[in-house]
Every structure is written in structure tokens, then in C-alpha cells.
């Protein structure tokens, strides 16, 4: 059934091209015309082909910037970053050309789109305040309220934590789209936002994806390969 008015929210792809291709194939089968790419696009094993694949979506896609996109564009995750994170950040920075880095660095932190049945919905990466501020399913009301205090939209779609959820809080409906590329549990996770909101899982060939990762040249490839072959359970 075609759903041209719906929006596919694809977050935290993290350079996992195989997972992205599987999700995009499902998006096509469902007839979804609009896609929000919710940040943390390239930090991972295949940064260039992942970004190039998304760019081929043209005007169908709206991009927002995640904290890892900002860091890859800058060439550093910062002085307090985990050394393993910093190594991958610098490697990804070197893989991209100057134009690709500039594109990532200039992306907006938030996008508001009209969605049938909901009106304007705010898409951000971490929280509406910061790209690296996490909203969890268990975030307390008193902590959530200041994060969304300036938000006019009734629904906020976020990511960053890789853990999908759909909850109410501080007068808003908060939806975490999960992670396409470094997911908890089996399958690439993403959100379908339309008249209804659906948290979806798309299976993909993780063995083939792990083989691609091992050949990619990313530092410590087995960390990425092991994550998708034996994904951690959802945090509680």
C-alpha cells in the first residue's frame, strides 16, 4: 500500500551501507516518498558510499546533523572522547572529500515537517537543545521538560541513543527512531511517521555486511562486525 504522505525516519546509519540499502528497499516497497536522515550518517565502516547513496535520493530526503557528523566534519570528536571513537572519527574525516565534509558540517540540527494526522513534527538528533543530549524511554519528566520547553510541535522524533521507543512526556509525544546501522536487537530499526507512528525493523544479511565491514579499512573492524552479528539487547 502506498504511503506517499508518510515520512521514513532513518537515524544513526553509522556507515552501514548494507543495512541502509535494506531499509531503503523497504521504503520503496511501501511507497514512502519522504525521508528524514536523522544524523550520525557516516561514522562507521563505509562513510563515502553511505553518504553517496543517500545523496542519490535527491529532494526526497531531508538531512539533519548528528553529533558524529559534526565531529567527522571537524576531524575530531574532542579532547575528552574515547580514544577508539577518536580513531574512527579521524579515519572517516580522511575518507571524505572537502565538499562532503562541508556538507555534513553545514546540516541543520533540526527540521520541522508537516505530517498528515499530526501537523508539524520536529525531527532532531539528540534532543531539541543539543545534538549530543540523550532522551531515553526512562528520562524523568523533570529532566525532559527543559529539553522540549522551546518546542512548539506536539511530536518530537529523535535518535542518538540507538534505542527505539514511543512515549509521552512533558506534554509531547517523543519517538526515538532507533538505529539503522548500529542497532539494539535484530534488524535495522527505523520509524514510519504518518497517520500512525510505527517503529519498524528491517532484516538484512548481517553475514554479508560483516564481510564488507572487514574489507572496508575501518579501524578495529571486528568491533563493528561483532555488533551487527550479535547485537546487544535493548537497554532497560
Protein backbone atom coordinates (compact mmCIF):
# COMPACT_ATOMS: atom_id res chain seq x y z
CA UNK A 1 0.00 0.00 0.00
CA UNK A 2 1.43 3.37 -1.00
CA UNK A 3 2.02 5.85 1.80
CA UNK A 4 3.24 8.95 -0.07
CA UNK A 5 2.34 11.33 2.74
CA UNK A 6 4.29 9.41 5.38
CA UNK A 7 7.89 10.09 6.39
CA UNK A 8 10.55 7.42 6.86
CA UNK A 9 12.84 8.48 9.72
CA UNK A 10 16.27 6.87 9.21
CA UNK A 11 18.63 7.63 12.08
CA UNK A 12 22.11 6.57 13.16
CA UNK A 13 23.10 4.78 9.97
CA UNK A 14 26.77 4.84 11.00
CA UNK A 15 28.25 3.91 7.67
CA UNK A 16 26.45 0.55 7.48
CA UNK A 17 25.61 0.51 3.79
CA UNK A 18 24.08 -2.98 3.77
CA UNK A 19 21.56 -2.04 6.46
CA UNK A 20 20.77 1.24 4.70
CA UNK A 21 20.13 -0.50 1.38
CA UNK A 22 17.74 -2.95 3.04
CA UNK A 23 15.77 -0.16 4.70
CA UNK A 24 15.61 1.91 1.51
CA UNK A 25 14.31 -1.14 -0.36
CA UNK A 26 11.51 -1.46 2.20
CA UNK A 27 10.78 2.25 1.97
CA UNK A 28 10.36 1.81 -1.79
CA UNK A 29 8.06 -1.19 -1.36
CA UNK A 30 5.88 0.83 1.00
CA UNK A 31 5.67 3.73 -1.43
CA UNK A 32 7.09 6.29 1.01
CA UNK A 33 8.20 9.43 -0.79
CA UNK A 34 9.70 11.49 2.05
CA UNK A 35 12.75 10.53 4.07
CA UNK A 36 14.40 12.25 7.03
CA UNK A 37 18.02 11.26 7.53
CA UNK A 38 18.38 11.89 11.22
CA UNK A 39 22.10 12.26 11.75
CA UNK A 40 25.17 10.15 12.57
CA UNK A 41 25.31 9.19 8.92
CA UNK A 42 28.93 8.37 8.14
CA UNK A 43 30.77 7.50 11.37
CA UNK A 44 31.39 3.85 10.66
CA UNK A 45 32.92 1.42 8.18
CA UNK A 46 31.63 2.75 4.81
CA UNK A 47 31.28 6.52 5.15
CA UNK A 48 31.67 7.51 1.50
CA UNK A 49 29.35 5.01 -0.21
CA UNK A 50 26.77 5.53 2.54
CA UNK A 51 26.70 9.29 2.01
CA UNK A 52 26.74 8.92 -1.76
CA UNK A 53 23.76 6.53 -1.64
CA UNK A 54 21.76 8.97 0.43
CA UNK A 55 22.65 11.89 -1.81
CA UNK A 56 21.14 9.99 -4.74
CA UNK A 57 17.75 10.32 -3.04
CA UNK A 58 17.74 13.95 -4.15
CA UNK A 59 14.87 16.14 -3.00
CA UNK A 60 13.09 13.20 -1.33
CA UNK A 61 15.50 13.38 1.59
CA UNK A 62 15.91 15.99 4.31
CA UNK A 63 19.06 15.75 6.38
CA UNK A 64 19.81 16.79 9.93
CA UNK A 65 23.20 16.76 11.59
CA UNK A 66 24.15 14.40 14.38
CA UNK A 67 26.98 14.87 16.82
CA UNK A 68 29.14 12.33 14.96
CA UNK A 69 28.57 14.16 11.65
CA UNK A 70 29.75 17.38 13.28
CA UNK A 71 32.79 15.63 14.72
CA UNK A 72 33.71 13.87 11.46
CA UNK A 73 33.40 17.19 9.60
CA UNK A 74 35.71 18.82 12.18
CA UNK A 75 38.14 15.90 12.17
CA UNK A 76 37.95 15.26 15.91
CA UNK A 77 35.47 14.04 18.50
CA UNK A 78 37.02 16.38 21.05
CA UNK A 79 39.66 16.20 23.78
CA UNK A 80 37.53 14.07 26.11
CA UNK A 81 36.48 11.49 23.53
CA UNK A 82 37.07 7.78 23.92
CA UNK A 83 40.33 7.04 22.06
CA UNK A 84 38.65 4.33 19.96
CA UNK A 85 35.94 6.79 18.92
CA UNK A 86 38.53 9.40 18.04
CA UNK A 87 40.47 6.99 15.83
CA UNK A 88 37.37 6.18 13.78
CA UNK A 89 36.35 9.85 13.65
CA UNK A 90 39.71 10.84 12.18
CA UNK A 91 39.64 7.91 9.75
CA UNK A 92 36.17 8.89 8.49
CA UNK A 93 37.30 12.50 8.14
CA UNK A 94 40.13 11.37 5.87
CA UNK A 95 37.84 9.24 3.70
CA UNK A 96 35.53 12.15 2.85
CA UNK A 97 36.45 14.88 0.42
CA UNK A 98 36.28 18.56 1.30
CA UNK A 99 32.83 19.00 -0.22
CA UNK A 100 31.40 16.07 1.71
CA UNK A 101 32.85 17.37 4.98
CA UNK A 102 31.40 20.81 4.29
CA UNK A 103 28.01 19.28 3.52
CA UNK A 104 27.93 17.41 6.84
CA UNK A 105 29.15 20.39 8.84
CA UNK A 106 26.51 22.71 7.39
CA UNK A 107 23.49 20.46 8.00
CA UNK A 108 20.74 21.86 10.24
CA UNK A 109 20.29 20.50 13.74
CA UNK A 110 16.50 20.37 13.45
CA UNK A 111 13.85 20.03 10.73
CA UNK A 112 10.09 20.58 11.13
CA UNK A 113 7.79 18.84 8.65
CA UNK A 114 4.02 18.74 8.29
CA UNK A 115 2.78 15.15 8.52
CA UNK A 116 -0.88 14.23 7.90
CA UNK A 117 -2.67 13.41 11.11
CA UNK A 118 -0.13 15.26 13.25
CA UNK A 119 0.65 18.64 11.75
CA UNK A 120 4.21 19.88 12.26
CA UNK A 121 6.62 17.30 13.70
CA UNK A 122 10.10 18.22 14.91
CA UNK A 123 12.97 15.96 13.87
CA UNK A 124 16.24 16.34 15.79
CA UNK A 125 19.18 14.06 16.53
CA UNK A 126 19.75 14.07 20.28
CA UNK A 127 17.33 16.47 21.94
CA UNK A 128 15.86 19.71 20.60
CA UNK A 129 18.53 21.51 22.63
CA UNK A 130 21.71 19.64 21.63
CA UNK A 131 22.77 17.02 19.15
CA UNK A 132 24.57 15.05 21.88
CA UNK A 133 21.89 15.22 24.59
CA UNK A 134 20.14 11.88 25.04
CA UNK A 135 16.44 11.33 25.58
CA UNK A 136 15.68 7.86 26.91
CA UNK A 137 12.47 5.94 27.40
CA UNK A 138 13.11 6.38 31.13
CA UNK A 139 14.12 10.06 31.14
CA UNK A 140 12.31 11.71 34.03
CA UNK A 141 9.61 14.27 33.36
CA UNK A 142 11.51 16.99 35.23
CA UNK A 143 14.60 16.36 33.08
CA UNK A 144 12.67 16.11 29.82
CA UNK A 145 10.64 19.29 30.32
CA UNK A 146 13.51 21.76 29.82
CA UNK A 147 14.73 19.83 26.77
CA UNK A 148 11.42 20.42 24.95
CA UNK A 149 10.38 23.71 26.55
CA UNK A 150 11.00 25.73 23.36
CA UNK A 151 9.36 23.17 21.05
CA UNK A 152 6.04 24.20 19.52
CA UNK A 153 5.43 20.91 17.73
CA UNK A 154 3.44 18.24 19.53
CA UNK A 155 5.66 15.37 18.36
CA UNK A 156 9.46 15.12 18.55
CA UNK A 157 11.35 12.42 16.64
CA UNK A 158 14.91 11.87 17.87
CA UNK A 159 17.71 9.31 17.83
CA UNK A 160 21.27 9.29 19.20
CA UNK A 161 20.77 6.51 21.77
CA UNK A 162 20.04 3.82 19.12
CA UNK A 163 17.20 2.51 21.34
CA UNK A 164 13.75 2.92 19.76
CA UNK A 165 10.78 3.95 21.88
CA UNK A 166 7.48 5.82 21.68
CA UNK A 167 6.39 7.66 24.80
CA UNK A 168 4.60 10.71 26.12
CA UNK A 169 6.34 13.23 28.31
CA UNK A 170 6.37 16.94 29.15
CA UNK A 171 3.28 17.47 27.02
CA UNK A 172 4.88 15.95 23.92
CA UNK A 173 4.94 12.63 22.13
CA UNK A 174 8.58 11.58 21.95
CA UNK A 175 9.63 8.97 19.38
CA UNK A 176 13.13 7.54 19.09
CA UNK A 177 13.61 6.03 15.64
CA UNK A 178 16.37 3.66 16.75
CA UNK A 179 19.43 2.94 14.63
CA UNK A 180 19.66 1.67 11.09
CA UNK A 181 23.31 0.68 11.30
CA UNK A 182 24.30 0.01 14.94
CA UNK A 183 21.05 -1.31 16.32
CA UNK A 184 19.99 -3.00 19.52
CA UNK A 185 18.38 -6.34 18.77
CA UNK A 186 17.95 -7.92 15.35
CA UNK A 187 17.27 -5.92 12.21
CA UNK A 188 17.82 -2.32 11.16
CA UNK A 189 15.48 -0.11 13.21
CA UNK A 190 13.70 2.98 11.89
CA UNK A 191 10.40 4.82 12.23
CA UNK A 192 7.49 5.28 9.85
CA UNK A 193 5.77 8.54 10.69
CA UNK A 194 2.38 9.07 9.06
CA UNK A 195 -1.21 8.95 10.19
CA UNK A 196 0.13 6.32 12.59
CA UNK A 197 3.63 6.09 14.06
CA UNK A 198 5.31 2.71 13.63
CA UNK A 199 8.64 1.55 14.99
CA UNK A 200 9.90 -0.86 12.36
CA UNK A 201 12.64 -3.50 12.00
CA UNK A 202 14.10 -4.47 8.63
CA UNK A 203 16.11 -7.69 8.41
CA UNK A 204 19.30 -7.72 6.34
CA UNK A 205 22.15 -10.08 5.60
CA UNK A 206 24.42 -9.41 8.56
CA UNK A 207 26.99 -12.01 7.47
CA UNK A 208 27.46 -10.22 4.16
CA UNK A 209 27.52 -6.88 5.96
CA UNK A 210 30.22 -8.14 8.34
CA UNK A 211 32.31 -9.25 5.37
CA UNK A 212 32.01 -5.77 3.85
CA UNK A 213 32.99 -4.20 7.16
CA UNK A 214 36.11 -6.35 7.46
CA UNK A 215 37.20 -5.24 3.98
CA UNK A 216 36.40 -1.55 4.49
CA UNK A 217 39.64 -0.45 6.12
CA UNK A 218 37.87 0.99 9.18
CA UNK A 219 39.99 0.77 12.35
CA UNK A 220 39.10 -2.23 14.56
CA UNK A 221 36.59 -3.66 12.08
CA UNK A 222 35.71 -6.60 14.33
CA UNK A 223 34.05 -4.20 16.81
CA UNK A 224 31.57 -3.16 14.13
CA UNK A 225 31.22 -6.68 12.70
CA UNK A 226 30.59 -8.22 16.11
CA UNK A 227 27.96 -5.59 16.91
CA UNK A 228 25.80 -6.44 13.93
CA UNK A 229 26.41 -10.21 14.10
CA UNK A 230 25.49 -10.35 17.79
CA UNK A 231 23.64 -7.11 18.55
CA UNK A 232 23.26 -6.14 22.19
CA UNK A 233 19.81 -6.36 23.79
CA UNK A 234 17.72 -3.28 24.33
CA UNK A 235 18.86 -1.34 27.42
CA UNK A 236 16.49 -1.21 30.38
